[in-house]
Protein backbone atom coordinates (compact mmCIF):
# COMPACT_ATOMS: atom_id res chain seq x y z
CA MET A 1 174.93 91.48 12.39
CA LYS A 2 178.10 89.40 12.27
CA MET A 3 181.33 90.41 10.58
CA LYS A 4 183.04 87.87 8.34
CA ASN A 5 186.67 86.85 8.14
CA LYS A 6 189.12 89.72 8.75
CA TYR A 7 186.65 92.63 8.73
CA VAL A 8 185.63 94.97 11.55
CA LEU A 9 182.78 97.43 12.01
CA ILE A 10 184.05 100.68 13.53
CA ARG A 11 182.87 104.09 14.71
CA GLU A 12 185.32 106.97 14.34
CA CYS A 13 186.24 108.91 17.46
CA PRO A 14 186.09 112.73 17.48
CA GLN A 15 189.41 114.10 16.20
CA GLU A 16 191.51 117.01 17.43
CA THR A 17 191.82 119.37 14.47
CA VAL A 18 193.67 122.22 16.19
CA THR A 19 197.10 121.91 17.82
CA ALA A 20 197.95 123.40 21.22
CA GLY A 21 199.56 126.30 19.34
CA GLY A 22 196.35 126.99 17.39
CA ILE A 23 197.37 125.46 14.06
CA ILE A 24 194.41 123.93 12.20
CA ILE A 25 195.09 120.43 10.87
CA PRO A 26 193.13 119.48 7.73
CA GLU A 27 191.07 116.31 8.23
CA GLU A 28 192.82 114.44 5.43
CA LYS A 29 196.28 114.97 6.99
CA TYR A 30 196.08 112.56 9.91
CA ASN A 31 195.18 108.97 10.61
CA ARG A 32 192.03 108.47 12.61
CA LYS A 33 191.11 106.83 15.88
CA ALA A 34 188.08 104.54 15.94
CA VAL A 35 186.37 102.09 18.26
CA VAL A 36 185.74 98.49 17.15
CA LEU A 37 182.03 97.65 17.40
CA LEU A 38 182.08 94.20 15.79
CA ALA A 39 184.99 91.99 14.75
CA GLY A 40 185.17 88.95 12.48
CA ASP A 41 186.40 85.61 13.77
CA ASP A 42 189.88 85.87 12.25
CA VAL A 43 190.71 89.41 13.44
CA ASP A 44 193.41 90.27 16.00
CA VAL A 45 191.31 93.03 17.61
CA LYS A 46 188.21 92.70 19.76
CA GLU A 47 185.03 94.65 20.32
CA GLY A 48 185.69 97.79 22.36
CA ASP A 49 189.33 98.20 21.25
CA THR A 50 190.41 101.69 20.18
CA ILE A 51 192.44 101.60 16.98
CA ILE A 52 194.32 103.92 14.66
CA LYS A 53 193.25 103.30 11.07
CA THR A 54 194.25 104.43 7.62
CA ILE A 55 192.19 107.06 5.84
CA GLY A 56 189.80 106.23 3.02
CA LYS A 57 190.21 102.46 2.94
CA GLY A 58 186.92 101.30 4.45
CA THR A 59 183.33 101.20 3.26
CA ILE A 60 180.97 103.72 4.87
CA HIS A 61 177.46 102.57 5.77
CA ASN A 62 174.62 104.44 7.41
CA PHE A 63 172.93 102.42 10.13
CA GLY A 64 169.91 104.42 11.19
CA ASP A 65 171.25 107.94 11.80
CA GLU A 66 174.79 106.75 12.52
CA GLU A 67 177.64 106.57 10.00
CA LEU A 68 179.82 103.50 10.56
CA GLU A 69 182.65 101.97 8.57
CA ILE A 70 183.52 98.41 7.58
CA LEU A 71 187.28 98.02 7.43
CA HIS A 72 189.67 95.17 6.60
CA GLU A 73 192.16 94.24 9.32
CA ASN A 74 195.08 95.21 7.03
CA HIS A 75 194.08 98.87 7.38
CA ILE A 76 194.40 98.88 11.18
CA LEU A 77 197.73 100.50 12.00
CA ALA A 78 197.70 100.14 15.80
CA VAL A 79 195.61 99.19 18.81
CA ILE A 80 195.73 101.76 21.60
CA GLU A 81 196.23 100.16 24.99
CA GLU A 82 194.13 101.59 27.82
CA ASN A 83 197.08 102.57 30.04
CA ALA A 84 199.27 103.84 27.20
CA THR A 85 200.23 107.47 26.74
CA GLU A 86 199.40 109.30 23.51
CA THR A 87 203.05 109.59 22.42
CA PRO A 88 205.28 106.51 22.64
CA SER A 89 208.56 107.02 24.51
CA THR A 90 211.88 106.35 22.79
């Protein structure tokens, strides 16, 4: 499979749904991390990048027994750098 233009194929990462203090966070209340599996030619991310994406903007597809999402580049909020900490410093 090859992605076209500014689209990426992603797999969501497992999400933390409970804070350190034990508060349960509803799934719809946070943006999600995902890994880029395939990227179109005109996209600023590459395969293997971990991203933070918006919720509910992509198209879900089942490939075999795996649920993956096709997402437009505009719905990628950030790329997480490998040596970066979880919380940016000010």
